[in-house]
């Protein structure tokens, strides 16, 4: 699975503000690069776990054409922002977009949720479909899946990813 961060500009949300976090988390000080990420996902809370490798790619010179402040935002994150938890969470949103592009082509993240940590998105211009997004630098996914399943079960009327 390959995903270039410039493809984000084809989404209604664009995700502009999360791009620097992904570059800093996965590429440190590299303005051109790629990172292989082992991913696991469930299409629903009761589904079996699927695994693959996602190759996230970026080139700041290409991104700059869509996002003029990217150099400044990268510099701030690299030198003045030690909030690693927020950076990882923001990077996980972009990983979720990349994964969904491959497992459910055509799915669009169209509205950000206003509840909880505000890192969940409604899909396809409806409030009946949602994706629960979470990211952890350490600690593993099994507990995270259980935590998100419990959260998803609170509202069984939504179609959740």
N, C-alpha and C. Protein backbone atom coordinates (compact mmCIF):
# COMPACT_ATOMS: atom_id res chain seq x y z
N UNK A 1 0.84 -1.16 0.00
CA UNK A 1 0.00 0.00 0.00
C UNK A 1 0.90 1.24 0.00
N UNK A 2 0.79 2.10 -1.00
CA UNK A 2 1.56 3.34 -1.07
C UNK A 2 0.62 4.53 -0.99
N UNK A 3 1.08 5.59 -0.33
CA UNK A 3 0.28 6.81 -0.24
C UNK A 3 1.21 8.02 -0.17
N UNK A 4 1.03 8.94 -1.13
CA UNK A 4 1.79 10.19 -1.16
C UNK A 4 0.96 11.27 -0.46
N UNK A 5 1.57 11.99 0.47
CA UNK A 5 0.83 13.00 1.23
C UNK A 5 0.20 14.08 0.36
N UNK A 6 0.72 14.31 -0.83
CA UNK A 6 0.12 15.32 -1.71
C UNK A 6 -1.30 14.93 -2.12
N UNK A 7 -1.61 13.65 -2.09
CA UNK A 7 -2.96 13.19 -2.45
C UNK A 7 -4.02 13.69 -1.47
N UNK A 8 -3.60 14.13 -0.28
CA UNK A 8 -4.55 14.64 0.70
C UNK A 8 -5.33 15.84 0.18
N UNK A 9 -4.74 16.58 -0.74
CA UNK A 9 -5.41 17.78 -1.23
C UNK A 9 -6.60 17.45 -2.13
N UNK A 10 -6.83 16.18 -2.41
CA UNK A 10 -8.01 15.74 -3.13
C UNK A 10 -9.19 15.46 -2.22
N UNK A 11 -9.01 15.58 -0.92
CA UNK A 11 -10.07 15.32 0.05
C UNK A 11 -10.76 16.63 0.45
N UNK A 12 -12.04 16.58 0.77
CA UNK A 12 -12.75 17.79 1.21
C UNK A 12 -12.09 18.46 2.42
N UNK A 13 -11.53 17.69 3.32
CA UNK A 13 -10.91 18.24 4.52
C UNK A 13 -9.47 18.72 4.27
N UNK A 14 -8.84 18.27 3.23
CA UNK A 14 -7.45 18.59 2.85
C UNK A 14 -6.42 18.11 3.87
N UNK A 15 -6.70 18.20 5.15
CA UNK A 15 -5.82 17.75 6.22
C UNK A 15 -4.48 18.48 6.26
N UNK A 16 -4.46 19.68 5.72
CA UNK A 16 -3.26 20.50 5.63
C UNK A 16 -2.52 20.59 6.97
N UNK A 17 -3.24 20.85 8.04
CA UNK A 17 -2.58 21.11 9.31
C UNK A 17 -1.93 19.87 9.93
N UNK A 18 -2.30 18.66 9.46
CA UNK A 18 -1.73 17.44 10.02
C UNK A 18 -0.49 16.96 9.26
N UNK A 19 -0.26 17.49 8.08
CA UNK A 19 0.86 17.04 7.25
C UNK A 19 2.21 17.24 7.95
N UNK A 20 2.49 18.40 8.53
CA UNK A 20 3.79 18.55 9.20
C UNK A 20 4.01 17.53 10.33
N UNK A 21 2.96 17.23 11.09
CA UNK A 21 3.10 16.23 12.15
C UNK A 21 3.50 14.88 11.58
N UNK A 22 2.87 14.48 10.48
CA UNK A 22 3.22 13.19 9.87
C UNK A 22 4.67 13.17 9.40
N UNK A 23 5.12 14.26 8.80
CA UNK A 23 6.51 14.32 8.32
C UNK A 23 7.48 14.27 9.49
N UNK A 24 7.17 14.98 10.58
CA UNK A 24 8.06 14.99 11.74
C UNK A 24 8.04 13.63 12.45
N UNK A 25 6.88 13.04 12.60
CA UNK A 25 6.79 11.74 13.28
C UNK A 25 7.46 10.64 12.46
N UNK A 26 7.21 10.60 11.16
CA UNK A 26 7.71 9.50 10.35
C UNK A 26 9.01 9.79 9.62
N UNK A 27 9.39 11.06 9.50
CA UNK A 27 10.56 11.38 8.71
C UNK A 27 11.59 12.24 9.37
N UNK A 28 11.34 12.63 10.63
CA UNK A 28 12.26 13.44 11.40
C UNK A 28 12.61 14.73 10.65
N UNK A 29 13.82 14.86 10.18
CA UNK A 29 14.24 16.10 9.52
C UNK A 29 14.32 15.97 8.01
N UNK A 30 13.74 14.94 7.44
CA UNK A 30 13.82 14.72 6.00
C UNK A 30 12.66 15.38 5.27
N UNK A 31 12.98 16.29 4.36
CA UNK A 31 11.95 16.97 3.57
C UNK A 31 11.46 16.14 2.40
N UNK A 32 12.22 15.12 2.04
CA UNK A 32 11.82 14.16 1.01
C UNK A 32 12.03 12.79 1.64
N UNK A 33 11.00 11.98 1.56
CA UNK A 33 11.18 10.67 2.17
C UNK A 33 9.99 9.77 2.06
N UNK A 34 10.16 8.65 2.68
CA UNK A 34 9.09 7.68 2.79
C UNK A 34 9.32 6.87 4.04
N UNK A 35 8.25 6.31 4.55
CA UNK A 35 8.33 5.53 5.76
C UNK A 35 7.39 4.34 5.63
N UNK A 36 7.91 3.18 5.90
CA UNK A 36 7.06 2.00 5.93
C UNK A 36 6.47 1.86 7.32
N UNK A 37 5.16 1.69 7.36
CA UNK A 37 4.44 1.61 8.63
C UNK A 37 3.65 0.31 8.64
N UNK A 38 3.88 -0.50 9.65
CA UNK A 38 3.08 -1.71 9.83
C UNK A 38 1.72 -1.27 10.35
N UNK A 39 0.68 -1.64 9.66
CA UNK A 39 -0.66 -1.22 10.08
C UNK A 39 -1.55 -2.42 10.33
N UNK A 40 -2.49 -2.21 11.22
CA UNK A 40 -3.54 -3.18 11.49
C UNK A 40 -4.84 -2.41 11.53
N UNK A 41 -5.91 -3.02 11.03
CA UNK A 41 -7.22 -2.37 11.06
C UNK A 41 -8.31 -3.41 11.11
N UNK A 42 -9.46 -2.93 11.50
CA UNK A 42 -10.68 -3.72 11.46
C UNK A 42 -11.70 -2.91 10.70
N UNK A 43 -12.41 -3.52 9.80
CA UNK A 43 -13.45 -2.82 9.05
C UNK A 43 -14.63 -2.48 9.96
N UNK A 44 -14.80 -3.24 11.02
CA UNK A 44 -15.79 -2.95 12.04
C UNK A 44 -15.27 -3.54 13.34
N UNK A 45 -15.88 -3.18 14.44
CA UNK A 45 -15.37 -3.65 15.73
C UNK A 45 -15.43 -5.17 15.87
N UNK A 46 -16.34 -5.83 15.16
CA UNK A 46 -16.46 -7.28 15.27
C UNK A 46 -15.68 -8.03 14.18
N UNK A 47 -15.06 -7.31 13.26
CA UNK A 47 -14.30 -7.91 12.17
C UNK A 47 -12.98 -8.47 12.68
N UNK A 48 -12.37 -9.34 11.89
CA UNK A 48 -11.04 -9.83 12.23
C UNK A 48 -10.01 -8.75 11.91
N UNK A 49 -8.87 -8.85 12.52
CA UNK A 49 -7.80 -7.88 12.31
C UNK A 49 -7.07 -8.19 11.00
N UNK A 50 -6.85 -7.14 10.21
CA UNK A 50 -6.11 -7.25 8.96
C UNK A 50 -4.77 -6.54 9.14
N UNK A 51 -3.73 -7.01 8.46
CA UNK A 51 -2.40 -6.42 8.58
C UNK A 51 -1.77 -6.24 7.21
N UNK A 52 -0.99 -5.18 7.06
CA UNK A 52 -0.20 -4.96 5.85
C UNK A 52 0.83 -3.88 6.16
N UNK A 53 1.56 -3.47 5.15
CA UNK A 53 2.52 -2.38 5.28
C UNK A 53 2.06 -1.22 4.42
N UNK A 54 2.06 -0.04 5.01
CA UNK A 54 1.75 1.20 4.30
C UNK A 54 3.06 1.96 4.10
N UNK A 55 3.31 2.39 2.87
CA UNK A 55 4.46 3.25 2.61
C UNK A 55 3.94 4.66 2.40
N UNK A 56 4.21 5.50 3.38
CA UNK A 56 3.82 6.90 3.34
C UNK A 56 4.96 7.69 2.71
N UNK A 57 4.66 8.50 1.69
CA UNK A 57 5.70 9.24 0.95
C UNK A 57 5.40 10.73 0.98
N UNK A 58 6.44 11.54 0.91
CA UNK A 58 6.27 12.99 0.86
C UNK A 58 7.47 13.66 0.21
N UNK A 59 7.19 14.83 -0.33
CA UNK A 59 8.22 15.71 -0.88
C UNK A 59 7.74 17.13 -0.56
N UNK A 60 8.45 17.80 0.34
CA UNK A 60 8.02 19.12 0.79
C UNK A 60 7.93 20.10 -0.36
N UNK A 61 8.83 20.01 -1.34
CA UNK A 61 8.76 20.93 -2.49
C UNK A 61 7.44 20.77 -3.23
N UNK A 62 6.96 19.56 -3.38
CA UNK A 62 5.67 19.32 -4.04
C UNK A 62 4.52 19.79 -3.16
N UNK A 63 4.60 19.50 -1.87
CA UNK A 63 3.54 19.92 -0.94
C UNK A 63 3.44 21.44 -0.85
N UNK A 64 4.56 22.12 -0.96
CA UNK A 64 4.60 23.59 -0.86
C UNK A 64 3.68 24.26 -1.89
N UNK A 65 3.47 23.61 -3.02
CA UNK A 65 2.60 24.17 -4.06
C UNK A 65 1.15 24.28 -3.58
N UNK A 66 0.77 23.45 -2.60
CA UNK A 66 -0.59 23.44 -2.06
C UNK A 66 -0.67 24.07 -0.67
N UNK A 67 0.48 24.20 -0.02
CA UNK A 67 0.52 24.56 1.40
C UNK A 67 1.74 25.46 1.62
N UNK A 68 1.54 26.75 1.42
CA UNK A 68 2.65 27.72 1.43
C UNK A 68 3.40 27.79 2.76
N UNK A 69 2.74 27.55 3.87
CA UNK A 69 3.36 27.68 5.19
C UNK A 69 4.03 26.40 5.69
N UNK A 70 4.16 25.41 4.85
CA UNK A 70 4.67 24.12 5.33
C UNK A 70 6.07 24.21 5.92
N UNK A 71 6.95 25.00 5.34
CA UNK A 71 8.31 25.10 5.87
C UNK A 71 8.31 25.68 7.29
N UNK A 72 7.53 26.73 7.48
CA UNK A 72 7.43 27.35 8.80
C UNK A 72 6.82 26.38 9.81
N UNK A 73 5.76 25.69 9.43
CA UNK A 73 5.10 24.75 10.34
C UNK A 73 6.02 23.57 10.69
N UNK A 74 6.79 23.09 9.73
CA UNK A 74 7.75 22.02 10.02
C UNK A 74 8.83 22.50 10.99
N UNK A 75 9.33 23.70 10.78
CA UNK A 75 10.36 24.25 11.66
C UNK A 75 9.85 24.38 13.09
N UNK A 76 8.62 24.85 13.25
CA UNK A 76 8.04 24.97 14.59
C UNK A 76 7.96 23.59 15.26
N UNK A 77 7.44 22.61 14.56
CA UNK A 77 7.33 21.26 15.14
C UNK A 77 8.69 20.66 15.46
N UNK A 78 9.65 20.90 14.60
CA UNK A 78 10.98 20.31 14.79
C UNK A 78 11.78 20.97 15.91
N UNK A 79 11.51 22.24 16.19
CA UNK A 79 12.36 22.95 17.15
C UNK A 79 11.64 23.50 18.37
N UNK A 80 10.32 23.66 18.33
CA UNK A 80 9.64 24.36 19.41
C UNK A 80 8.42 23.63 19.97
N UNK A 81 8.13 22.44 19.49
CA UNK A 81 6.92 21.74 19.92
C UNK A 81 7.30 20.33 20.38
N UNK A 82 7.24 20.11 21.69
CA UNK A 82 7.59 18.81 22.25
C UNK A 82 6.38 17.93 22.53
N UNK A 83 5.22 18.30 22.04
CA UNK A 83 3.99 17.55 22.29
C UNK A 83 3.91 16.36 21.35
N UNK A 84 4.67 15.33 21.65
CA UNK A 84 4.75 14.14 20.80
C UNK A 84 3.39 13.43 20.70
N UNK A 85 2.62 13.42 21.77
CA UNK A 85 1.32 12.73 21.73
C UNK A 85 0.40 13.35 20.68
N UNK A 86 0.36 14.67 20.61
CA UNK A 86 -0.48 15.34 19.61
C UNK A 86 0.06 15.08 18.21
N UNK A 87 1.36 15.13 18.05
CA UNK A 87 1.95 14.87 16.73
C UNK A 87 1.61 13.45 16.26
N UNK A 88 1.70 12.48 17.15
CA UNK A 88 1.37 11.09 16.79
C UNK A 88 -0.11 10.96 16.45
N UNK A 89 -0.97 11.61 17.22
CA UNK A 89 -2.41 11.54 16.94
C UNK A 89 -2.71 12.15 15.58
N UNK A 90 -2.12 13.30 15.29
CA UNK A 90 -2.34 13.95 14.00
C UNK A 90 -1.79 13.11 12.86
N UNK A 91 -0.65 12.48 13.05
CA UNK A 91 -0.08 11.60 12.02
C UNK A 91 -0.99 10.39 11.81
N UNK A 92 -1.62 9.89 12.88
CA UNK A 92 -2.50 8.73 12.75
C UNK A 92 -3.73 9.04 11.92
N UNK A 93 -4.18 10.30 11.94
CA UNK A 93 -5.31 10.69 11.10
C UNK A 93 -4.93 10.52 9.63
N UNK A 94 -3.73 10.94 9.27
CA UNK A 94 -3.30 10.80 7.87
C UNK A 94 -3.09 9.34 7.49
N UNK A 95 -2.63 8.53 8.43
CA UNK A 95 -2.51 7.09 8.16
C UNK A 95 -3.89 6.50 7.93
N UNK A 96 -4.88 6.92 8.71
CA UNK A 96 -6.26 6.43 8.53
C UNK A 96 -6.79 6.80 7.15
N UNK A 97 -6.52 8.02 6.70
CA UNK A 97 -6.95 8.44 5.36
C UNK A 97 -6.29 7.54 4.31
N UNK A 98 -4.99 7.31 4.46
CA UNK A 98 -4.27 6.48 3.49
C UNK A 98 -4.81 5.05 3.47
N UNK A 99 -5.05 4.49 4.64
CA UNK A 99 -5.57 3.12 4.71
C UNK A 99 -6.96 3.05 4.08
N UNK A 100 -7.82 3.99 4.42
CA UNK A 100 -9.18 3.97 3.86
C UNK A 100 -9.17 4.13 2.35
N UNK A 101 -8.21 4.88 1.81
CA UNK A 101 -8.10 5.04 0.37
C UNK A 101 -7.92 3.68 -0.31
N UNK A 102 -7.25 2.78 0.38
CA UNK A 102 -6.99 1.45 -0.19
C UNK A 102 -8.07 0.43 0.14
N UNK A 103 -8.59 0.45 1.37
CA UNK A 103 -9.54 -0.61 1.74
C UNK A 103 -10.99 -0.26 1.41
N UNK A 104 -11.31 1.03 1.33
CA UNK A 104 -12.64 1.48 0.91
C UNK A 104 -12.49 2.64 -0.05
N UNK A 105 -12.01 2.38 -1.27
CA UNK A 105 -11.79 3.47 -2.23
C UNK A 105 -13.08 4.28 -2.41
N UNK A 106 -12.91 5.57 -2.54
CA UNK A 106 -14.05 6.45 -2.72
C UNK A 106 -14.61 7.01 -1.43
N UNK A 107 -14.22 6.43 -0.30
CA UNK A 107 -14.67 6.95 0.99
C UNK A 107 -14.01 8.30 1.24
N UNK A 108 -14.79 9.26 1.68
CA UNK A 108 -14.28 10.60 1.94
C UNK A 108 -14.52 11.00 3.40
N UNK A 109 -13.51 11.57 4.01
CA UNK A 109 -13.62 12.15 5.34
C UNK A 109 -14.20 13.54 5.12
N UNK A 110 -15.45 13.76 5.52
CA UNK A 110 -16.10 15.00 5.11
C UNK A 110 -16.41 15.96 6.25
N UNK A 111 -16.46 15.48 7.49
CA UNK A 111 -16.73 16.40 8.59
C UNK A 111 -16.08 15.89 9.85
N UNK A 112 -15.42 16.78 10.56
CA UNK A 112 -14.76 16.41 11.81
C UNK A 112 -15.79 16.40 12.94
N UNK A 113 -15.71 15.39 13.78
CA UNK A 113 -16.62 15.27 14.92
C UNK A 113 -16.33 16.36 15.94
N UNK A 114 -17.37 16.81 16.63
CA UNK A 114 -17.18 17.84 17.65
C UNK A 114 -17.25 17.27 19.07
N UNK A 115 -17.15 15.95 19.20
CA UNK A 115 -17.20 15.32 20.51
C UNK A 115 -15.89 14.61 20.80
N UNK A 116 -15.70 14.25 22.04
CA UNK A 116 -14.51 13.50 22.45
C UNK A 116 -13.22 14.26 22.16
N UNK A 117 -12.23 13.55 21.63
CA UNK A 117 -10.94 14.15 21.35
C UNK A 117 -10.93 14.90 20.02
N UNK A 118 -12.04 14.85 19.31
CA UNK A 118 -12.20 15.54 18.03
C UNK A 118 -11.24 15.02 16.96
N UNK A 119 -10.89 13.76 17.06
CA UNK A 119 -10.05 13.14 16.05
C UNK A 119 -10.81 12.09 15.26
N UNK A 120 -12.12 12.13 15.35
CA UNK A 120 -12.95 11.20 14.60
C UNK A 120 -13.66 11.99 13.51
N UNK A 121 -13.98 11.30 12.42
CA UNK A 121 -14.55 11.98 11.26
C UNK A 121 -15.80 11.28 10.77
N UNK A 122 -16.76 12.09 10.33
CA UNK A 122 -17.90 11.56 9.61
C UNK A 122 -17.47 11.36 8.17
N UNK A 123 -18.08 10.38 7.53
CA UNK A 123 -17.68 10.00 6.19
C UNK A 123 -18.79 10.24 5.18
N UNK A 124 -18.39 10.51 3.97
CA UNK A 124 -19.29 10.54 2.82
C UNK A 124 -20.49 11.47 2.98
N UNK A 125 -20.25 12.65 3.56
CA UNK A 125 -21.29 13.68 3.72
C UNK A 125 -22.54 13.20 4.44
N UNK A 126 -22.36 12.32 5.41
CA UNK A 126 -23.49 11.86 6.21
C UNK A 126 -23.07 11.75 7.67
N UNK A 127 -24.00 11.91 8.57
CA UNK A 127 -23.72 11.71 9.99
C UNK A 127 -24.03 10.28 10.43
N UNK A 128 -24.27 9.39 9.47
CA UNK A 128 -24.56 7.99 9.77
C UNK A 128 -23.34 7.10 9.65
N UNK A 129 -22.24 7.64 9.15
CA UNK A 129 -21.00 6.87 8.99
C UNK A 129 -19.87 7.62 9.66
N UNK A 130 -19.05 6.89 10.42
CA UNK A 130 -17.97 7.54 11.15
C UNK A 130 -16.75 6.62 11.21
N UNK A 131 -15.58 7.22 11.31
CA UNK A 131 -14.36 6.46 11.55
C UNK A 131 -13.79 6.90 12.88
N UNK A 132 -13.47 5.93 13.70
CA UNK A 132 -12.83 6.17 14.99
C UNK A 132 -11.32 6.09 14.75
N UNK A 133 -10.60 7.15 15.09
CA UNK A 133 -9.16 7.20 14.84
C UNK A 133 -8.44 7.34 16.17
N UNK A 134 -7.40 6.55 16.32
CA UNK A 134 -6.56 6.64 17.51
C UNK A 134 -5.13 6.28 17.11
N UNK A 135 -4.19 6.90 17.77
CA UNK A 135 -2.79 6.61 17.49
C UNK A 135 -2.00 6.54 18.78
N UNK A 136 -1.11 5.59 18.84
CA UNK A 136 -0.23 5.44 20.00
C UNK A 136 1.17 5.15 19.49
N UNK A 137 2.13 5.83 20.05
CA UNK A 137 3.53 5.58 19.69
C UNK A 137 4.00 4.28 20.32
N UNK A 138 3.52 4.00 21.52
CA UNK A 138 3.89 2.78 22.23
C UNK A 138 2.63 2.15 22.79
N UNK A 139 2.72 0.90 23.16
CA UNK A 139 1.61 0.26 23.84
C UNK A 139 0.84 -0.75 23.03
N UNK A 140 1.01 -0.76 21.73
CA UNK A 140 0.38 -1.78 20.92
C UNK A 140 -1.08 -1.54 20.60
N UNK A 141 -1.54 -2.24 19.58
CA UNK A 141 -2.89 -2.05 19.08
C UNK A 141 -3.97 -2.90 19.75
N UNK A 142 -3.67 -4.10 20.26
CA UNK A 142 -4.78 -4.88 20.81
C UNK A 142 -5.61 -4.12 21.85
N UNK A 143 -4.99 -3.48 22.80
CA UNK A 143 -5.73 -2.71 23.80
C UNK A 143 -6.44 -1.53 23.20
N UNK A 144 -5.84 -0.94 22.19
CA UNK A 144 -6.44 0.20 21.51
C UNK A 144 -7.71 -0.22 20.77
N UNK A 145 -7.68 -1.38 20.11
CA UNK A 145 -8.87 -1.89 19.44
C UNK A 145 -10.00 -2.11 20.45
N UNK A 146 -9.67 -2.70 21.59
CA UNK A 146 -10.69 -2.95 22.61
C UNK A 146 -11.28 -1.63 23.12
N UNK A 147 -10.42 -0.66 23.34
CA UNK A 147 -10.87 0.65 23.81
C UNK A 147 -11.80 1.31 22.79
N UNK A 148 -11.44 1.26 21.53
CA UNK A 148 -12.25 1.88 20.48
C UNK A 148 -13.55 1.12 20.26
N UNK A 149 -13.52 -0.21 20.42
CA UNK A 149 -14.75 -1.00 20.29
C UNK A 149 -15.74 -0.60 21.38
N UNK A 150 -15.24 -0.48 22.61
CA UNK A 150 -16.12 -0.06 23.70
C UNK A 150 -16.72 1.32 23.42
N UNK A 151 -15.90 2.22 22.89
CA UNK A 151 -16.38 3.56 22.56
C UNK A 151 -17.42 3.49 21.44
N UNK A 152 -17.15 2.68 20.41
CA UNK A 152 -18.08 2.55 19.29
C UNK A 152 -19.41 1.96 19.71
N UNK A 153 -19.38 1.04 20.66
CA UNK A 153 -20.60 0.38 21.10
C UNK A 153 -21.56 1.34 21.82
N UNK A 154 -21.08 2.51 22.22
CA UNK A 154 -21.94 3.48 22.89
C UNK A 154 -23.00 4.05 21.96
N UNK A 155 -22.73 4.03 20.65
CA UNK A 155 -23.71 4.52 19.68
C UNK A 155 -23.83 3.50 18.55
N UNK A 156 -24.67 2.49 18.72
CA UNK A 156 -24.78 1.42 17.73
C UNK A 156 -25.48 1.80 16.44
N UNK A 157 -26.04 3.01 16.35
CA UNK A 157 -26.76 3.38 15.13
C UNK A 157 -25.83 3.84 14.01
N UNK A 158 -24.63 4.24 14.33
CA UNK A 158 -23.67 4.67 13.31
C UNK A 158 -22.99 3.49 12.66
N UNK A 159 -22.70 3.62 11.36
CA UNK A 159 -21.81 2.67 10.70
C UNK A 159 -20.40 3.15 10.99
N UNK A 160 -19.64 2.35 11.72
CA UNK A 160 -18.31 2.77 12.17
C UNK A 160 -17.21 2.00 11.47
N UNK A 161 -16.09 2.64 11.32
CA UNK A 161 -14.87 1.98 10.81
C UNK A 161 -13.86 1.96 11.92
